[in-house]
Amino acid sequence: MADNSLIPLETPLLLGRGSNNASHALIVRLSREGYEIHIVDCAIRFQAYSIAEATKSFNSPILHEIQIQRAFTPYQLLDFINSILSSAQKDELKSKLFLFLAPSKQFFDGDVKVDERIALLDRLIEKFKLMQSEGFQVLISESIKKADPIYQSYLSKLNTALGTVAKEILPPQEVSDGKNSPTLFE
């Protein structure tokens, strides 16, 4: 029986427009290897069709193996993380990869007041930090940049809390003449 425990992630944070595609590519690769993945989609970013297309040649129904849930409010997201942290099955849950797609999205909803937004984002960062320190495998994908200084502060605090170095994932660049592009041959 293969050991499908995850190796700790060095960089649990993907940023930029290309981060959602990178997340989905990682889902495909890890699913193929039999890893358990739990996706928390906070902004309707999960692309089931792209996963189905990428895995249609596999001999197993990958989409049936991936757990997906949505969090529509900051409170739902924080409650979900609390339920993981207080679960009686912590050891079992630590073998899964928890992928959070755009977790900050609802915090910037117009219904969330500025002071509440800041406080809730700080709580979210603390929850992610706690998950990481307790040995949970966490990957956070924030794909859309916002000029909002609160968002920039959130990213900075998140990077510091998780010990990551922010490196934006950019989408592939188009070659001006359409020739000699490595993407033409991949």
N, C-alpha and C. Protein backbone atom coordinates (compact mmCIF):
# COMPACT_ATOMS: atom_id res chain seq x y z
N MET A 1 0.85 -1.18 0.00
CA MET A 1 0.00 0.00 0.00
C MET A 1 0.89 1.24 0.00
N ALA A 2 0.64 2.16 -0.89
CA ALA A 2 1.45 3.37 -1.02
C ALA A 2 1.19 4.33 0.14
N ASP A 3 2.26 5.01 0.54
CA ASP A 3 2.13 6.03 1.58
C ASP A 3 1.70 7.32 0.91
N ASN A 4 0.48 7.74 1.15
CA ASN A 4 -0.04 8.94 0.52
C ASN A 4 -0.11 10.12 1.48
N SER A 5 0.77 10.12 2.48
CA SER A 5 0.80 11.28 3.37
C SER A 5 1.53 12.41 2.65
N LEU A 6 1.05 13.59 2.87
CA LEU A 6 1.62 14.75 2.18
C LEU A 6 2.90 15.21 2.84
N ILE A 7 3.80 15.70 2.02
CA ILE A 7 5.01 16.34 2.52
C ILE A 7 4.61 17.76 2.89
N PRO A 8 5.11 18.29 4.00
CA PRO A 8 4.74 19.68 4.35
C PRO A 8 5.04 20.65 3.22
N LEU A 9 4.12 21.55 2.99
CA LEU A 9 4.29 22.54 1.93
C LEU A 9 5.23 23.64 2.39
N GLU A 10 6.18 23.99 1.54
CA GLU A 10 7.08 25.09 1.87
C GLU A 10 6.38 26.43 1.68
N THR A 11 5.54 26.51 0.67
CA THR A 11 4.84 27.75 0.38
C THR A 11 3.34 27.45 0.28
N PRO A 12 2.61 27.67 1.36
CA PRO A 12 1.19 27.34 1.34
C PRO A 12 0.30 28.45 0.76
N LEU A 13 0.90 29.40 0.04
CA LEU A 13 0.13 30.52 -0.48
C LEU A 13 0.45 30.74 -1.95
N LEU A 14 -0.59 30.68 -2.78
CA LEU A 14 -0.47 30.98 -4.21
C LEU A 14 -1.17 32.30 -4.47
N LEU A 15 -0.51 33.22 -5.16
CA LEU A 15 -1.08 34.54 -5.42
C LEU A 15 -1.11 34.84 -6.91
N GLY A 16 -2.07 35.65 -7.31
CA GLY A 16 -2.10 36.17 -8.67
C GLY A 16 -3.11 35.49 -9.57
N ARG A 17 -3.22 36.03 -10.78
CA ARG A 17 -4.21 35.52 -11.72
C ARG A 17 -3.99 34.06 -12.08
N GLY A 18 -2.76 33.61 -12.08
CA GLY A 18 -2.46 32.22 -12.44
C GLY A 18 -2.61 31.23 -11.31
N SER A 19 -2.90 31.72 -10.11
CA SER A 19 -2.95 30.82 -8.95
C SER A 19 -4.11 29.83 -9.01
N ASN A 20 -5.23 30.22 -9.57
CA ASN A 20 -6.35 29.30 -9.66
C ASN A 20 -6.02 28.15 -10.60
N ASN A 21 -5.39 28.46 -11.74
CA ASN A 21 -4.99 27.40 -12.67
C ASN A 21 -3.92 26.51 -12.04
N ALA A 22 -2.98 27.11 -11.32
CA ALA A 22 -1.95 26.33 -10.64
C ALA A 22 -2.58 25.41 -9.60
N SER A 23 -3.57 25.91 -8.88
CA SER A 23 -4.28 25.09 -7.88
C SER A 23 -4.96 23.90 -8.53
N HIS A 24 -5.60 24.14 -9.66
CA HIS A 24 -6.30 23.06 -10.34
C HIS A 24 -5.32 22.03 -10.91
N ALA A 25 -4.19 22.48 -11.42
CA ALA A 25 -3.16 21.55 -11.90
C ALA A 25 -2.65 20.68 -10.75
N LEU A 26 -2.49 21.29 -9.59
CA LEU A 26 -2.05 20.55 -8.41
C LEU A 26 -3.12 19.54 -7.98
N ILE A 27 -4.37 19.93 -8.04
CA ILE A 27 -5.47 19.01 -7.71
C ILE A 27 -5.40 17.77 -8.59
N VAL A 28 -5.20 17.99 -9.89
CA VAL A 28 -5.13 16.87 -10.84
C VAL A 28 -3.97 15.95 -10.48
N ARG A 29 -2.80 16.52 -10.28
CA ARG A 29 -1.61 15.70 -9.99
C ARG A 29 -1.76 14.93 -8.68
N LEU A 30 -2.21 15.61 -7.64
CA LEU A 30 -2.34 14.93 -6.35
C LEU A 30 -3.46 13.88 -6.37
N SER A 31 -4.54 14.18 -7.08
CA SER A 31 -5.64 13.21 -7.19
C SER A 31 -5.16 11.95 -7.90
N ARG A 32 -4.36 12.14 -8.91
CA ARG A 32 -3.83 11.00 -9.67
C ARG A 32 -3.00 10.09 -8.77
N GLU A 33 -2.32 10.69 -7.79
CA GLU A 33 -1.48 9.93 -6.87
C GLU A 33 -2.27 9.37 -5.69
N GLY A 34 -3.56 9.68 -5.60
CA GLY A 34 -4.40 9.13 -4.56
C GLY A 34 -4.49 9.94 -3.28
N TYR A 35 -4.03 11.18 -3.31
CA TYR A 35 -4.12 12.02 -2.12
C TYR A 35 -5.55 12.47 -1.89
N GLU A 36 -5.90 12.64 -0.64
CA GLU A 36 -7.22 13.15 -0.28
C GLU A 36 -7.18 14.67 -0.31
N ILE A 37 -8.15 15.25 -0.99
CA ILE A 37 -8.20 16.71 -1.14
C ILE A 37 -9.56 17.21 -0.70
N HIS A 38 -9.54 18.25 0.10
CA HIS A 38 -10.78 18.91 0.54
C HIS A 38 -10.68 20.36 0.10
N ILE A 39 -11.55 20.75 -0.80
CA ILE A 39 -11.54 22.11 -1.34
C ILE A 39 -12.61 22.94 -0.65
N VAL A 40 -12.20 24.11 -0.19
CA VAL A 40 -13.14 25.06 0.38
C VAL A 40 -13.17 26.23 -0.60
N ASP A 41 -14.23 26.29 -1.38
CA ASP A 41 -14.37 27.29 -2.43
C ASP A 41 -15.13 28.49 -1.87
N CYS A 42 -14.44 29.59 -1.75
CA CYS A 42 -15.03 30.78 -1.12
C CYS A 42 -15.49 31.82 -2.13
N ALA A 43 -15.33 31.53 -3.42
CA ALA A 43 -15.68 32.54 -4.42
C ALA A 43 -16.10 31.92 -5.75
N ILE A 44 -16.64 30.73 -5.69
CA ILE A 44 -17.06 30.00 -6.89
C ILE A 44 -15.91 29.96 -7.90
N ARG A 45 -14.75 29.51 -7.45
CA ARG A 45 -13.56 29.41 -8.29
C ARG A 45 -13.27 27.98 -8.76
N PHE A 46 -13.88 26.98 -8.09
CA PHE A 46 -13.60 25.60 -8.47
C PHE A 46 -14.16 25.32 -9.85
N GLN A 47 -13.32 24.73 -10.70
CA GLN A 47 -13.70 24.45 -12.08
C GLN A 47 -13.80 22.93 -12.28
N ALA A 48 -14.95 22.39 -11.98
CA ALA A 48 -15.15 20.95 -12.08
C ALA A 48 -14.90 20.45 -13.49
N TYR A 49 -15.32 21.23 -14.49
CA TYR A 49 -15.15 20.79 -15.87
C TYR A 49 -13.67 20.64 -16.22
N SER A 50 -12.84 21.58 -15.79
CA SER A 50 -11.41 21.48 -16.12
C SER A 50 -10.77 20.27 -15.44
N ILE A 51 -11.21 19.95 -14.23
CA ILE A 51 -10.70 18.76 -13.54
C ILE A 51 -11.17 17.51 -14.28
N ALA A 52 -12.44 17.48 -14.68
CA ALA A 52 -12.98 16.33 -15.41
C ALA A 52 -12.23 16.13 -16.73
N GLU A 53 -11.99 17.20 -17.45
CA GLU A 53 -11.26 17.11 -18.72
C GLU A 53 -9.83 16.61 -18.51
N ALA A 54 -9.17 17.15 -17.51
CA ALA A 54 -7.77 16.79 -17.25
C ALA A 54 -7.62 15.36 -16.74
N THR A 55 -8.68 14.80 -16.18
CA THR A 55 -8.58 13.47 -15.57
C THR A 55 -9.40 12.41 -16.31
N LYS A 56 -9.94 12.73 -17.47
CA LYS A 56 -10.83 11.77 -18.12
C LYS A 56 -10.12 10.49 -18.56
N SER A 57 -8.80 10.54 -18.71
CA SER A 57 -8.08 9.33 -19.09
C SER A 57 -7.70 8.48 -17.88
N PHE A 58 -7.94 8.96 -16.69
CA PHE A 58 -7.63 8.20 -15.48
C PHE A 58 -8.63 7.05 -15.36
N ASN A 59 -8.25 6.04 -14.64
CA ASN A 59 -9.13 4.89 -14.47
C ASN A 59 -9.99 4.98 -13.21
N SER A 60 -10.15 6.19 -12.70
CA SER A 60 -10.99 6.36 -11.52
C SER A 60 -11.73 7.69 -11.61
N PRO A 61 -12.89 7.75 -10.99
CA PRO A 61 -13.68 8.99 -11.03
C PRO A 61 -13.13 10.01 -10.02
N ILE A 62 -12.16 10.79 -10.45
CA ILE A 62 -11.44 11.71 -9.57
C ILE A 62 -12.39 12.70 -8.88
N LEU A 63 -13.35 13.24 -9.60
CA LEU A 63 -14.24 14.22 -8.98
C LEU A 63 -15.03 13.63 -7.81
N HIS A 64 -15.25 12.33 -7.84
CA HIS A 64 -15.95 11.68 -6.72
C HIS A 64 -15.05 11.55 -5.50
N GLU A 65 -13.76 11.65 -5.71
CA GLU A 65 -12.80 11.50 -4.62
C GLU A 65 -12.48 12.83 -3.93
N ILE A 66 -12.78 13.94 -4.58
CA ILE A 66 -12.46 15.26 -4.04
C ILE A 66 -13.66 15.77 -3.24
N GLN A 67 -13.40 16.21 -2.03
CA GLN A 67 -14.47 16.82 -1.23
C GLN A 67 -14.48 18.31 -1.53
N ILE A 68 -15.66 18.83 -1.82
CA ILE A 68 -15.80 20.24 -2.16
C ILE A 68 -16.91 20.84 -1.30
N GLN A 69 -16.64 21.99 -0.76
CA GLN A 69 -17.69 22.72 -0.06
C GLN A 69 -17.50 24.20 -0.31
N ARG A 70 -18.55 24.92 -0.08
CA ARG A 70 -18.50 26.37 -0.29
C ARG A 70 -18.72 27.08 1.03
N ALA A 71 -18.06 28.21 1.14
CA ALA A 71 -18.27 29.10 2.29
C ALA A 71 -18.71 30.43 1.70
N PHE A 72 -19.92 30.84 2.04
CA PHE A 72 -20.49 32.05 1.45
C PHE A 72 -20.34 33.29 2.32
N THR A 73 -19.93 33.10 3.56
CA THR A 73 -19.73 34.25 4.46
C THR A 73 -18.43 34.04 5.22
N PRO A 74 -17.85 35.12 5.75
CA PRO A 74 -16.65 34.97 6.58
C PRO A 74 -16.91 34.05 7.77
N TYR A 75 -18.11 34.13 8.33
CA TYR A 75 -18.43 33.33 9.51
C TYR A 75 -18.51 31.84 9.17
N GLN A 76 -19.04 31.49 8.00
CA GLN A 76 -19.07 30.09 7.59
C GLN A 76 -17.65 29.55 7.44
N LEU A 77 -16.77 30.34 6.86
CA LEU A 77 -15.38 29.91 6.68
C LEU A 77 -14.69 29.72 8.03
N LEU A 78 -14.83 30.69 8.91
CA LEU A 78 -14.21 30.59 10.23
C LEU A 78 -14.78 29.42 11.03
N ASP A 79 -16.10 29.19 10.93
CA ASP A 79 -16.72 28.05 11.62
C ASP A 79 -16.20 26.72 11.08
N PHE A 80 -16.02 26.65 9.77
CA PHE A 80 -15.49 25.42 9.18
C PHE A 80 -14.08 25.14 9.71
N ILE A 81 -13.23 26.15 9.72
CA ILE A 81 -11.86 25.97 10.22
C ILE A 81 -11.89 25.58 11.69
N ASN A 82 -12.77 26.20 12.47
CA ASN A 82 -12.91 25.82 13.89
C ASN A 82 -13.31 24.35 14.03
N SER A 83 -14.19 23.89 13.14
CA SER A 83 -14.63 22.49 13.22
C SER A 83 -13.48 21.53 12.92
N ILE A 84 -12.59 21.92 12.03
CA ILE A 84 -11.42 21.09 11.74
C ILE A 84 -10.50 21.05 12.96
N LEU A 85 -10.23 22.24 13.50
CA LEU A 85 -9.29 22.35 14.62
C LEU A 85 -9.79 21.66 15.88
N SER A 86 -11.10 21.55 16.04
CA SER A 86 -11.65 20.91 17.24
C SER A 86 -12.16 19.49 16.98
N SER A 87 -11.90 18.97 15.80
CA SER A 87 -12.39 17.65 15.43
C SER A 87 -11.75 16.54 16.27
N ALA A 88 -12.54 15.52 16.54
CA ALA A 88 -12.02 14.34 17.25
C ALA A 88 -11.15 13.49 16.33
N GLN A 89 -11.27 13.71 15.02
CA GLN A 89 -10.49 12.95 14.03
C GLN A 89 -9.35 13.78 13.44
N LYS A 90 -8.69 14.56 14.26
CA LYS A 90 -7.63 15.45 13.77
C LYS A 90 -6.56 14.70 12.98
N ASP A 91 -6.11 13.55 13.49
CA ASP A 91 -5.04 12.82 12.80
C ASP A 91 -5.47 12.40 11.40
N GLU A 92 -6.70 11.96 11.27
CA GLU A 92 -7.22 11.58 9.95
C GLU A 92 -7.30 12.80 9.03
N LEU A 93 -7.74 13.91 9.56
CA LEU A 93 -7.86 15.13 8.76
C LEU A 93 -6.50 15.68 8.33
N LYS A 94 -5.48 15.43 9.10
CA LYS A 94 -4.14 15.93 8.77
C LYS A 94 -3.56 15.25 7.54
N SER A 95 -4.13 14.12 7.13
CA SER A 95 -3.64 13.44 5.93
C SER A 95 -4.22 14.05 4.66
N LYS A 96 -5.17 14.95 4.80
CA LYS A 96 -5.80 15.61 3.64
C LYS A 96 -5.10 16.93 3.33
N LEU A 97 -5.24 17.35 2.09
CA LEU A 97 -4.83 18.70 1.71
C LEU A 97 -6.09 19.56 1.72
N PHE A 98 -6.06 20.63 2.50
CA PHE A 98 -7.16 21.59 2.52
C PHE A 98 -6.78 22.74 1.61
N LEU A 99 -7.50 22.86 0.51
CA LEU A 99 -7.24 23.91 -0.46
C LEU A 99 -8.33 24.96 -0.34
N PHE A 100 -7.92 26.17 0.01
CA PHE A 100 -8.86 27.28 0.17
C PHE A 100 -8.76 28.18 -1.05
N LEU A 101 -9.83 28.23 -1.84
CA LEU A 101 -9.86 29.07 -3.04
C LEU A 101 -10.47 30.43 -2.69
N ALA A 102 -9.67 31.48 -2.82
CA ALA A 102 -10.07 32.87 -2.57
C ALA A 102 -10.76 33.05 -1.21
N PRO A 103 -10.10 32.64 -0.13
CA PRO A 103 -10.76 32.73 1.18
C PRO A 103 -11.10 34.14 1.64
N SER A 104 -10.41 35.15 1.13
CA SER A 104 -10.70 36.51 1.59
C SER A 104 -11.87 37.16 0.87
N LYS A 105 -12.39 36.53 -0.17
CA LYS A 105 -13.41 37.14 -1.03
C LYS A 105 -14.60 37.70 -0.25
N GLN A 106 -15.22 36.89 0.61
CA GLN A 106 -16.41 37.34 1.33
C GLN A 106 -16.12 38.43 2.34
N PHE A 107 -14.89 38.53 2.78
CA PHE A 107 -14.53 39.55 3.76
C PHE A 107 -14.60 40.95 3.15
N PHE A 108 -14.54 41.01 1.82
CA PHE A 108 -14.60 42.29 1.12
C PHE A 108 -15.97 42.57 0.52
N ASP A 109 -16.94 41.80 0.94
CA ASP A 109 -18.32 42.02 0.52
C ASP A 109 -18.80 43.34 1.13
N GLY A 110 -19.67 44.03 0.42
CA GLY A 110 -20.17 45.32 0.88
C GLY A 110 -20.91 45.26 2.21
N ASP A 111 -21.41 44.08 2.57
CA ASP A 111 -22.14 43.93 3.84
C ASP A 111 -21.22 43.89 5.06
N VAL A 112 -19.92 43.69 4.83
CA VAL A 112 -18.98 43.58 5.94
C VAL A 112 -18.35 44.95 6.17
N LYS A 113 -18.59 45.50 7.34
CA LYS A 113 -18.05 46.83 7.68
C LYS A 113 -16.53 46.76 7.79
N VAL A 114 -15.87 47.89 7.57
CA VAL A 114 -14.41 47.94 7.52
C VAL A 114 -13.76 47.41 8.80
N ASP A 115 -14.22 47.87 9.96
CA ASP A 115 -13.60 47.42 11.21
C ASP A 115 -13.84 45.93 11.44
N GLU A 116 -15.03 45.45 11.06
CA GLU A 116 -15.34 44.02 11.17
C GLU A 116 -14.46 43.23 10.19
N ARG A 117 -14.27 43.75 8.99
CA ARG A 117 -13.44 43.10 7.97
C ARG A 117 -12.02 42.89 8.50
N ILE A 118 -11.45 43.93 9.07
CA ILE A 118 -10.08 43.84 9.58
C ILE A 118 -9.99 42.80 10.69
N ALA A 119 -10.94 42.85 11.62
CA ALA A 119 -10.93 41.90 12.74
C ALA A 119 -11.12 40.46 12.26
N LEU A 120 -12.03 40.26 11.31
CA LEU A 120 -12.28 38.91 10.81
C LEU A 120 -11.10 38.38 10.00
N LEU A 121 -10.47 39.24 9.21
CA LEU A 121 -9.29 38.81 8.45
C LEU A 121 -8.16 38.42 9.40
N ASP A 122 -8.00 39.16 10.48
CA ASP A 122 -6.98 38.81 11.47
C ASP A 122 -7.29 37.45 12.10
N ARG A 123 -8.57 37.19 12.37
CA ARG A 123 -8.96 35.88 12.91
C ARG A 123 -8.69 34.78 11.90
N LEU A 124 -8.97 35.05 10.62
CA LEU A 124 -8.71 34.06 9.57
C LEU A 124 -7.22 33.72 9.51
N ILE A 125 -6.38 34.73 9.56
CA ILE A 125 -4.94 34.51 9.53
C ILE A 125 -4.51 33.65 10.72
N GLU A 126 -5.04 33.96 11.89
CA GLU A 126 -4.71 33.17 13.09
C GLU A 126 -5.15 31.72 12.94
N LYS A 127 -6.32 31.51 12.33
CA LYS A 127 -6.82 30.14 12.13
C LYS A 127 -5.91 29.38 11.15
N PHE A 128 -5.51 30.04 10.06
CA PHE A 128 -4.60 29.40 9.11
C PHE A 128 -3.27 29.07 9.78
N LYS A 129 -2.78 30.00 10.57
CA LYS A 129 -1.51 29.79 11.28
C LYS A 129 -1.63 28.61 12.25
N LEU A 130 -2.75 28.52 12.95
CA LEU A 130 -2.99 27.43 13.88
C LEU A 130 -3.08 26.09 13.14
N MET A 131 -3.79 26.08 12.01
CA MET A 131 -3.87 24.86 11.21
C MET A 131 -2.47 24.39 10.81
N GLN A 132 -1.68 25.33 10.33
CA GLN A 132 -0.33 24.99 9.90
C GLN A 132 0.52 24.49 11.07
N SER A 133 0.46 25.16 12.21
CA SER A 133 1.27 24.77 13.36
C SER A 133 0.85 23.42 13.94
N GLU A 134 -0.41 23.05 13.76
CA GLU A 134 -0.89 21.76 14.25
C GLU A 134 -0.67 20.63 13.25
N GLY A 135 -0.08 20.94 12.10
CA GLY A 135 0.28 19.90 11.15
C GLY A 135 -0.72 19.64 10.04
N PHE A 136 -1.72 20.49 9.90
CA PHE A 136 -2.66 20.35 8.79
C PHE A 136 -1.99 20.85 7.52
N GLN A 137 -2.29 20.19 6.41
CA GLN A 137 -1.76 20.61 5.12
C GLN A 137 -2.72 21.63 4.51
N VAL A 138 -2.25 22.85 4.36
CA VAL A 138 -3.10 23.95 3.90
C VAL A 138 -2.48 24.60 2.68
N LEU A 139 -3.30 24.83 1.67
CA LEU A 139 -2.88 25.59 0.50
C LEU A 139 -3.93 26.67 0.28
N ILE A 140 -3.48 27.90 0.18
CA ILE A 140 -4.38 29.05 0.03
C ILE A 140 -4.13 29.67 -1.33
N SER A 141 -5.18 29.85 -2.10
CA SER A 141 -5.07 30.44 -3.43
C SER A 141 -5.88 31.73 -3.46
N GLU A 142 -5.17 32.83 -3.60
CA GLU A 142 -5.81 34.15 -3.73
C GLU A 142 -5.50 34.64 -5.14
N SER A 143 -6.49 34.61 -6.00
CA SER A 143 -6.20 34.84 -7.41
C SER A 143 -6.41 36.26 -7.90
N ILE A 144 -7.22 37.03 -7.24
CA ILE A 144 -7.51 38.37 -7.75
C ILE A 144 -6.87 39.40 -6.84
N LYS A 145 -6.05 40.24 -7.43
CA LYS A 145 -5.43 41.30 -6.65
C LYS A 145 -6.42 42.44 -6.45
N LYS A 146 -6.36 43.01 -5.27
CA LYS A 146 -7.20 44.16 -4.96
C LYS A 146 -6.28 45.30 -4.56
N ALA A 147 -6.64 46.50 -4.96
CA ALA A 147 -5.85 47.68 -4.59
C ALA A 147 -6.13 48.11 -3.16
N ASP A 148 -7.15 47.54 -2.56
CA ASP A 148 -7.56 47.89 -1.21
C ASP A 148 -6.40 47.71 -0.23
N PRO A 149 -6.06 48.74 0.55
CA PRO A 149 -4.95 48.61 1.51
C PRO A 149 -5.21 47.54 2.58
N ILE A 150 -6.46 47.27 2.88
CA ILE A 150 -6.78 46.21 3.85
C ILE A 150 -6.39 44.85 3.27
N TYR A 151 -6.65 44.67 1.99
CA TYR A 151 -6.28 43.41 1.32
C TYR A 151 -4.76 43.25 1.30
N GLN A 152 -4.06 44.33 0.97
CA GLN A 152 -2.60 44.28 0.95
C GLN A 152 -2.05 43.96 2.34
N SER A 153 -2.66 44.54 3.36
CA SER A 153 -2.25 44.27 4.73
C SER A 153 -2.53 42.80 5.08
N TYR A 154 -3.68 42.29 4.65
CA TYR A 154 -4.03 40.89 4.87
C TYR A 154 -2.97 39.97 4.27
N LEU A 155 -2.58 40.23 3.01
CA LEU A 155 -1.57 39.40 2.36
C LEU A 155 -0.24 39.46 3.09
N SER A 156 0.14 40.65 3.50
CA SER A 156 1.40 40.82 4.22
C SER A 156 1.38 40.05 5.55
N LYS A 157 0.29 40.19 6.30
CA LYS A 157 0.16 39.48 7.58
C LYS A 157 0.11 37.97 7.36
N LEU A 158 -0.57 37.54 6.30
CA LEU A 158 -0.67 36.11 6.00
C LEU A 158 0.70 35.55 5.66
N ASN A 159 1.45 36.27 4.84
CA ASN A 159 2.81 35.84 4.49
C ASN A 159 3.67 35.71 5.74
N THR A 160 3.59 36.69 6.61
CA THR A 160 4.38 36.67 7.84
C THR A 160 3.96 35.52 8.75
N ALA A 161 2.66 35.34 8.92
CA ALA A 161 2.14 34.30 9.82
C ALA A 161 2.50 32.90 9.34
N LEU A 162 2.45 32.68 8.02
CA LEU A 162 2.71 31.35 7.49
C LEU A 162 4.17 31.13 7.12
N GLY A 163 4.96 32.18 7.23
CA GLY A 163 6.38 32.05 6.91
C GLY A 163 6.64 31.84 5.44
N THR A 164 5.87 32.50 4.60
CA THR A 164 6.04 32.34 3.16
C THR A 164 6.65 33.59 2.55
N VAL A 165 7.10 33.42 1.34
CA VAL A 165 7.58 34.55 0.56
C VAL A 165 6.60 34.70 -0.59
N ALA A 166 6.00 35.87 -0.71
CA ALA A 166 5.00 36.08 -1.76
C ALA A 166 5.67 36.12 -3.12
N LYS A 167 5.17 35.29 -4.03
CA LYS A 167 5.61 35.32 -5.41
C LYS A 167 4.36 35.13 -6.25
N GLU A 168 4.05 36.13 -6.99
CA GLU A 168 2.83 36.08 -7.79
C GLU A 168 2.99 35.11 -8.94
N ILE A 169 1.97 34.30 -9.17
CA ILE A 169 1.94 33.38 -10.30
C ILE A 169 1.24 34.11 -11.43
N LEU A 170 1.96 34.32 -12.50
CA LEU A 170 1.42 35.04 -13.65
C LEU A 170 0.95 34.06 -14.70
N PRO A 171 -0.05 34.44 -15.49
CA PRO A 171 -0.48 33.57 -16.58
C PRO A 171 0.61 33.52 -17.64
N PRO A 172 0.62 32.48 -18.47
CA PRO A 172 1.63 32.39 -19.53
C PRO A 172 1.57 33.62 -20.44
N GLN A 173 2.74 34.05 -20.86
CA GLN A 173 2.83 35.20 -21.75
C GLN A 173 2.69 34.74 -23.20
N GLU A 174 2.00 35.52 -23.99
CA GLU A 174 1.91 35.22 -25.42
C GLU A 174 3.19 35.65 -26.10
N VAL A 175 3.64 34.81 -27.03
CA VAL A 175 4.82 35.14 -27.80
C VAL A 175 4.37 36.03 -28.95
N SER A 176 5.08 37.12 -29.18
CA SER A 176 4.63 38.11 -30.16
C SER A 176 4.52 37.53 -31.57
N ASP A 177 5.45 36.66 -31.96
CA ASP A 177 5.39 36.13 -33.32
C ASP A 177 4.70 34.77 -33.40
N GLY A 178 4.31 34.22 -32.25
CA GLY A 178 3.62 32.93 -32.24
C GLY A 178 4.54 31.75 -32.47
N LYS A 179 5.85 31.97 -32.47
CA LYS A 179 6.82 30.90 -32.72
C LYS A 179 7.72 30.73 -31.50
N ASN A 180 8.38 29.59 -31.48
CA ASN A 180 9.39 29.31 -30.46
C ASN A 180 8.86 29.43 -29.04
N SER A 181 7.64 29.08 -28.85
CA SER A 181 7.06 29.10 -27.52
C SER A 181 7.07 27.69 -26.96
N PRO A 182 7.63 27.49 -25.76
CA PRO A 182 7.61 26.14 -25.20
C PRO A 182 6.19 25.61 -24.99
N THR A 183 5.21 26.51 -24.86
CA THR A 183 3.84 26.04 -24.65
C THR A 183 3.26 25.42 -25.91
N LEU A 184 3.85 25.69 -27.07
CA LEU A 184 3.37 25.08 -28.30
C LEU A 184 3.65 23.58 -28.32
N PHE A 185 4.63 23.15 -27.54
CA PHE A 185 5.08 21.77 -27.62
C PHE A 185 4.80 20.97 -26.36
N GLU A 186 4.13 21.54 -25.41
CA GLU A 186 3.84 20.82 -24.16
C GLU A 186 2.53 20.08 -24.25
